[in-house]
Amino acid sequence: MLNSLCDVPGIRVGHAQDETARTGCTVILPAQPAVAGVDVRGSAPGSREIEALKPVRLVQEIHGILLTGGSAFGLDAAGGVQKYLEERGIGYDVQVAKVPIVPTGVIFDLAVGDAKIRPTAAMAYLACETASFTETRTGRVGVGCGATVGKIRGVQHSMSGGVGMASWQSGNIAIGALVVVNALGDIIDPQNGNIIAGAINDDGSFLNTQVYLQAHVLSPFKSWGNTTLAVVATNARFNRDGVTKIAEMAQDGLAYVTRPSHTLFDGDMVFAMSTGDERADVMAIGAIAAQLVAASIVQAVRVSNGVV
């Protein structure tokens, strides 16, 4: 076990980033078309092909998922994933062409690094070319390159977010999660309730965003630069309704360790994928997936900030 999304058989993960501009993207590629669903909780989402994932839609399978920086500008990078897949004859067959279905979610990282440089189709294509079945890198890599957490006082008082991964296996059943955490709120250690990454006071101590909000219930504020995105996958077989429910339950992992989560200025979104034919209960998979999402978030900020 790699403690990676790649522990789910057939899943490849690839990263590409511009470390100077502090932005990047991460691609998830299933070996075969996957049944997928999505749950959106934040009020500021940026996305592409999300509507196609609803249970009543025509196309029932996807060919990749892209998580990217650059806010709405970064959605253009999905064309690079489509190009990579089309060149390999992968996509939904419409007779005159095969159209790759690549749902995409974005984080806002424009306030970190260079706001004029965003992930491009070429960057996403590179992420596809370098994607592997054994990817384990976490922290400030790929879409997590410019991610931050704890932004109630602005980015200048925040800490690094990043990419985290976790997995679980029992018998033939495997579940994995990959998260990029870029939250407005603080990240909490679920073992003791202490803040491990978040908004910082001038003296270097933690502000505690939840307490701050309780003390400023009438004070208007804006906090641009947020969103946590997650992908959970399993080799258990589910239909579109089943994977959508798994995505809904997995979203609870954000609330376990992010305080507050799903805010007006977050675009929190969880994708779920079914890639195999194993048998499992949807409620059990969803509950485990939520734990993996929470563990991935904690891992991301620990690695990015060197927190033991």
Protein backbone atom coordinates (compact mmCIF):
# COMPACT_ATOMS: atom_id res chain seq x y z
CA MET A 1 0.00 0.00 0.00
CA LEU A 2 1.30 3.43 -1.03
CA ASN A 3 -1.26 5.38 1.04
CA SER A 4 -2.16 6.94 -2.29
CA LEU A 5 -5.13 7.22 -4.61
CA CYS A 6 -3.05 4.94 -6.84
CA ASP A 7 -3.75 2.07 -4.43
CA VAL A 8 -7.07 1.74 -6.26
CA PRO A 9 -6.25 -0.58 -9.17
CA GLY A 10 -6.06 1.12 -12.55
CA ILE A 11 -5.71 4.71 -11.27
CA ARG A 12 -2.87 6.94 -12.47
CA VAL A 13 -2.09 10.34 -10.94
CA GLY A 14 0.00 13.05 -12.59
CA HIS A 15 1.20 16.48 -11.43
CA ALA A 16 2.60 19.52 -13.20
CA GLN A 17 3.31 22.97 -11.76
CA ASP A 18 5.03 26.31 -12.18
CA GLU A 19 6.80 26.74 -8.86
CA THR A 20 7.73 30.36 -9.53
CA ALA A 21 4.15 31.39 -10.31
CA ARG A 22 2.88 29.06 -7.53
CA THR A 23 0.19 27.31 -9.56
CA GLY A 24 -0.31 23.88 -11.08
CA CYS A 25 -2.65 21.03 -11.89
CA THR A 26 -3.22 17.38 -11.03
CA VAL A 27 -4.83 14.79 -13.28
CA ILE A 28 -6.48 11.50 -12.32
CA LEU A 29 -6.70 8.96 -15.14
CA PRO A 30 -8.57 5.63 -14.83
CA ALA A 31 -7.33 2.74 -16.97
CA GLN A 32 -10.90 2.19 -18.16
CA PRO A 33 -13.86 4.60 -18.33
CA ALA A 34 -15.19 5.10 -14.79
CA VAL A 35 -18.64 5.74 -13.38
CA ALA A 36 -18.44 9.04 -11.50
CA GLY A 37 -20.48 11.42 -9.38
CA VAL A 38 -19.91 14.75 -7.66
CA ASP A 39 -21.09 16.69 -4.62
CA VAL A 40 -20.69 20.48 -4.44
CA ARG A 41 -21.07 22.22 -1.06
CA GLY A 42 -19.08 25.45 -1.24
CA SER A 43 -20.78 28.59 -2.54
CA ALA A 44 -17.98 29.66 -4.91
CA PRO A 45 -17.27 26.65 -7.16
CA GLY A 46 -15.42 26.76 -10.46
CA SER A 47 -16.03 23.75 -12.66
CA ARG A 48 -16.40 22.15 -16.08
CA GLU A 49 -18.47 19.10 -17.12
CA ILE A 50 -20.03 18.91 -13.65
CA GLU A 51 -23.60 18.96 -14.95
CA ALA A 52 -22.84 15.83 -16.99
CA LEU A 53 -22.26 13.86 -13.79
CA LYS A 54 -25.86 14.03 -12.59
CA PRO A 55 -27.58 10.62 -12.44
CA VAL A 56 -30.12 11.35 -15.20
CA ARG A 57 -27.55 12.43 -17.81
CA LEU A 58 -26.82 10.51 -21.01
CA VAL A 59 -23.08 9.84 -20.63
CA GLN A 60 -22.54 7.50 -17.68
CA GLU A 61 -18.73 7.27 -17.66
CA ILE A 62 -15.78 9.65 -17.53
CA HIS A 63 -12.23 9.35 -18.85
CA GLY A 64 -10.32 11.58 -16.46
CA ILE A 65 -10.60 14.25 -13.76
CA LEU A 66 -8.56 17.46 -13.61
CA LEU A 67 -7.94 19.53 -10.48
CA THR A 68 -6.32 22.83 -11.35
CA GLY A 69 -5.27 26.19 -10.02
CA GLY A 70 -5.91 29.49 -11.75
CA SER A 71 -9.52 29.97 -10.67
CA ALA A 72 -11.93 30.11 -13.64
CA PHE A 73 -8.98 30.82 -15.96
CA GLY A 74 -7.59 27.39 -15.12
CA LEU A 75 -10.57 25.62 -16.68
CA ASP A 76 -8.88 26.02 -20.07
CA ALA A 77 -6.27 23.49 -18.94
CA ALA A 78 -8.83 20.68 -19.31
CA GLY A 79 -8.28 20.89 -23.07
CA GLY A 80 -4.82 19.44 -22.55
CA VAL A 81 -6.26 16.34 -20.88
CA GLN A 82 -8.80 15.97 -23.67
CA LYS A 83 -6.03 16.27 -26.27
CA TYR A 84 -3.95 13.60 -24.53
CA LEU A 85 -6.90 11.20 -24.33
CA GLU A 86 -8.17 11.86 -27.86
CA GLU A 87 -4.73 11.09 -29.30
CA ARG A 88 -5.03 7.67 -27.66
CA GLY A 89 -8.52 6.98 -28.95
CA ILE A 90 -10.13 7.44 -25.53
CA GLY A 91 -13.52 9.13 -25.23
CA TYR A 92 -17.25 8.85 -25.62
CA ASP A 93 -17.96 7.53 -29.11
CA VAL A 94 -20.16 9.92 -31.12
CA GLN A 95 -19.32 8.13 -34.40
CA VAL A 96 -17.49 11.05 -35.98
CA ALA A 97 -15.13 11.40 -33.00
CA LYS A 98 -14.39 10.14 -29.53
CA VAL A 99 -15.03 12.90 -27.01
CA PRO A 100 -13.09 12.57 -23.72
CA ILE A 101 -15.24 13.49 -20.71
CA VAL A 102 -12.99 15.25 -18.19
CA PRO A 103 -14.81 16.87 -15.23
CA THR A 104 -12.70 19.68 -13.82
CA GLY A 105 -12.61 21.65 -10.59
CA VAL A 106 -10.52 24.73 -9.81
CA ILE A 107 -9.03 26.37 -6.77
CA PHE A 108 -8.33 30.10 -6.42
CA ASP A 109 -4.57 30.59 -6.11
CA LEU A 110 -4.26 33.90 -7.98
CA ALA A 111 -3.29 35.77 -4.81
CA VAL A 112 -0.17 33.59 -4.41
CA GLY A 113 2.76 33.86 -6.82
CA ASP A 114 1.92 35.45 -10.19
CA ALA A 115 -1.79 36.06 -10.86
CA LYS A 116 -1.13 36.44 -14.59
CA ILE A 117 0.23 32.90 -14.96
CA ARG A 118 -2.33 30.09 -14.81
CA PRO A 119 -2.30 26.37 -15.65
CA THR A 120 -2.50 25.83 -19.40
CA ALA A 121 -3.49 22.97 -21.68
CA ALA A 122 0.21 22.28 -22.19
CA MET A 123 0.74 21.96 -18.43
CA ALA A 124 -2.20 19.56 -18.09
CA TYR A 125 -0.91 17.53 -21.06
CA LEU A 126 2.44 17.23 -19.28
CA ALA A 127 0.66 16.04 -16.13
CA CYS A 128 -0.96 13.31 -18.22
CA GLU A 129 2.35 12.31 -19.80
CA THR A 130 4.00 11.94 -16.40
CA ALA A 131 1.03 10.28 -14.66
CA SER A 132 1.92 7.01 -12.97
CA PHE A 133 0.35 4.11 -11.06
CA THR A 134 2.73 4.74 -8.15
CA GLU A 135 2.47 8.51 -7.52
CA THR A 136 2.90 9.31 -3.82
CA ARG A 137 4.04 12.95 -3.73
CA THR A 138 2.06 15.25 -1.45
CA GLY A 139 2.31 18.80 -0.16
CA ARG A 140 3.06 21.71 -2.51
CA VAL A 141 2.88 19.72 -5.73
CA GLY A 142 0.61 19.94 -8.78
CA VAL A 143 -2.66 21.71 -8.01
CA GLY A 144 -1.43 22.18 -4.45
CA CYS A 145 1.58 24.30 -5.47
CA GLY A 146 -0.09 27.57 -4.50
CA ALA A 147 -2.75 26.29 -2.09
CA THR A 148 -3.14 28.02 1.29
CA VAL A 149 -5.33 27.68 4.38
CA GLY A 150 -6.58 30.05 7.07
CA LYS A 151 -7.38 33.19 5.10
CA ILE A 152 -9.88 35.08 7.25
CA ARG A 153 -7.23 37.86 7.59
CA GLY A 154 -5.98 37.49 4.01
CA VAL A 155 -3.33 35.40 2.30
CA GLN A 156 -0.50 37.26 4.06
CA HIS A 157 -1.66 35.71 7.36
CA SER A 158 -2.27 32.20 5.98
CA MET A 159 -0.29 28.95 5.90
CA SER A 160 0.40 26.52 3.07
CA GLY A 161 -2.25 24.05 2.00
CA GLY A 162 -1.42 21.42 -0.61
CA VAL A 163 -2.16 17.94 -1.89
CA GLY A 164 -2.76 15.00 0.43
CA MET A 165 -3.63 11.35 -0.20
CA ALA A 166 -4.79 8.34 1.81
CA SER A 167 -6.04 4.83 1.10
CA TRP A 168 -7.73 1.82 2.72
CA GLN A 169 -7.91 -1.83 1.71
CA SER A 170 -9.70 -4.91 3.03
CA GLY A 171 -9.56 -8.12 1.03
CA ASN A 172 -10.11 -7.18 -2.60
CA ILE A 173 -11.79 -3.85 -1.83
CA ALA A 174 -9.66 -0.71 -2.18
CA ILE A 175 -10.59 2.93 -1.56
CA GLY A 176 -8.37 5.95 -2.11
CA ALA A 177 -8.59 9.71 -1.75
CA LEU A 178 -6.69 12.68 -3.16
CA VAL A 179 -7.39 16.17 -1.82
CA VAL A 180 -6.12 19.65 -2.53
CA VAL A 181 -6.84 21.79 0.53
CA ASN A 182 -7.07 25.52 -0.10
CA ALA A 183 -9.59 26.44 2.59
CA LEU A 184 -10.69 29.68 4.16
CA GLY A 185 -10.84 27.89 7.51
CA ASP A 186 -8.32 26.30 9.84
CA ILE A 187 -7.27 22.65 9.72
CA ILE A 188 -7.84 20.70 12.93
CA ASP A 189 -6.06 17.65 14.32
CA PRO A 190 -8.97 15.19 14.73
CA GLN A 191 -7.14 13.45 17.59
CA ASN A 192 -7.12 16.44 19.95
CA GLY A 193 -9.06 19.27 18.27
CA ASN A 194 -6.00 21.54 18.06
CA ILE A 195 -5.30 23.74 15.04
CA ILE A 196 -2.36 22.45 12.99
CA ALA A 197 -2.56 25.01 10.15
CA GLY A 198 -4.63 28.16 9.74
CA ALA A 199 -4.87 31.91 10.10
CA ILE A 200 -1.96 33.51 11.95
CA ASN A 201 -1.91 36.46 14.36
CA ASP A 202 0.79 39.13 14.14
CA ASP A 203 2.69 37.39 16.95
CA GLY A 204 2.73 34.08 15.06
CA SER A 205 0.04 32.36 17.14
CA PHE A 206 -3.09 30.83 15.62
CA LEU A 207 -5.99 33.26 15.28
CA ASN A 208 -8.68 30.53 15.51
CA THR A 209 -11.09 31.38 12.69
CA GLN A 210 -14.13 29.89 14.42
CA VAL A 211 -13.63 32.07 17.50
CA TYR A 212 -12.95 35.08 15.29
CA LEU A 213 -16.27 34.62 13.49
CA GLN A 214 -18.12 34.32 16.79
CA ALA A 215 -16.64 37.65 17.84
CA HIS A 216 -17.46 39.40 14.54
CA VAL A 217 -20.97 38.26 13.66
CA LEU A 218 -21.89 41.71 12.29
CA SER A 219 -18.61 42.50 10.56
CA PRO A 220 -18.66 42.08 6.78
CA PHE A 221 -15.52 40.63 5.25
CA LYS A 222 -14.33 39.03 2.03
CA SER A 223 -11.78 36.25 1.80
CA TRP A 224 -10.85 35.42 -1.77
CA GLY A 225 -8.60 32.52 -2.53
CA ASN A 226 -10.23 29.33 -1.29
CA THR A 227 -11.74 25.89 -2.18
CA THR A 228 -10.99 22.31 -1.22
CA LEU A 229 -11.29 19.69 -3.97
CA ALA A 230 -11.26 15.93 -3.45
CA VAL A 231 -11.37 12.79 -5.56
CA VAL A 232 -12.31 9.47 -3.95
CA ALA A 233 -12.16 6.22 -5.90
CA THR A 234 -12.95 2.58 -5.28
CA ASN A 235 -12.72 -0.63 -7.25
CA ALA A 236 -16.17 -1.59 -5.97
CA ARG A 237 -18.90 -1.46 -8.60
CA PHE A 238 -21.58 1.23 -8.30
CA ASN A 239 -23.97 2.98 -10.64
CA ARG A 240 -24.23 6.77 -10.96
CA ASP A 241 -26.63 7.01 -8.00
CA GLY A 242 -24.23 5.01 -5.84
CA VAL A 243 -21.10 7.03 -6.60
CA THR A 244 -23.03 10.26 -6.13
CA LYS A 245 -24.01 9.12 -2.64
CA ILE A 246 -20.38 8.21 -1.92
CA ALA A 247 -19.34 11.72 -2.99
CA GLU A 248 -21.97 13.23 -0.67
CA MET A 249 -20.79 11.17 2.30
CA ALA A 250 -17.11 11.78 1.52
CA GLN A 251 -17.77 15.52 1.66
CA ASP A 252 -18.23 15.12 5.42
CA GLY A 253 -14.48 14.54 5.65
CA LEU A 254 -13.99 18.26 5.05
CA ALA A 255 -16.18 19.12 8.02
CA TYR A 256 -14.29 16.66 10.25
CA VAL A 257 -11.06 18.66 10.03
CA THR A 258 -11.78 22.06 8.44
CA ARG A 259 -13.28 24.77 10.64
CA PRO A 260 -15.35 26.31 9.15
CA SER A 261 -15.95 24.43 5.89
CA HIS A 262 -18.34 24.94 2.93
CA THR A 263 -18.33 28.72 3.38
CA LEU A 264 -19.56 31.47 1.10
CA PHE A 265 -16.00 31.91 -0.20
CA ASP A 266 -15.13 28.22 -0.67
CA GLY A 267 -16.02 26.13 -3.74
CA ASP A 268 -15.73 22.78 -1.96
CA MET A 269 -16.31 19.85 -4.33
CA VAL A 270 -15.87 16.07 -4.05
CA PHE A 271 -15.74 13.68 -7.00
CA ALA A 272 -16.28 9.93 -6.57
CA MET A 273 -15.26 7.22 -9.05
CA SER A 274 -16.13 3.54 -9.39
CA THR A 275 -13.45 1.74 -11.39
CA GLY A 276 -13.97 -2.00 -10.82
CA ASP A 277 -16.37 -4.89 -10.31
CA GLU A 278 -15.94 -5.75 -6.62
CA ARG A 279 -19.05 -5.90 -4.43
CA ALA A 280 -19.47 -3.56 -1.46
CA ASP A 281 -22.08 -1.56 0.43
CA VAL A 282 -22.45 2.05 -0.64
CA MET A 283 -22.87 3.33 2.93
CA ALA A 284 -19.72 1.58 4.13
CA ILE A 285 -17.66 2.91 1.22
CA GLY A 286 -19.00 6.43 1.75
CA ALA A 287 -18.18 6.39 5.47
CA ILE A 288 -14.63 5.15 4.86
CA ALA A 289 -14.17 7.68 2.05
CA ALA A 290 -15.03 10.53 4.45
CA GLN A 291 -12.31 9.35 6.83
CA LEU A 292 -9.80 9.19 3.98
CA VAL A 293 -10.68 12.72 2.84
CA ALA A 294 -10.09 14.00 6.37
CA ALA A 295 -6.78 12.14 6.63
CA SER A 296 -5.68 13.52 3.26
CA ILE A 297 -6.41 17.10 4.33
CA VAL A 298 -4.39 16.71 7.53
CA GLN A 299 -1.52 15.07 5.65
CA ALA A 300 -1.47 17.87 3.05
CA VAL A 301 -0.94 20.67 5.57
CA ARG A 302 1.48 18.66 7.68
CA VAL A 303 3.72 17.98 4.70
CA SER A 304 3.47 21.49 3.25
CA ASN A 305 4.24 23.21 6.56
CA GLY A 306 6.66 20.65 8.02
CA VAL A 307 4.33 19.95 10.94
CA VAL A 308 5.19 16.72 12.78
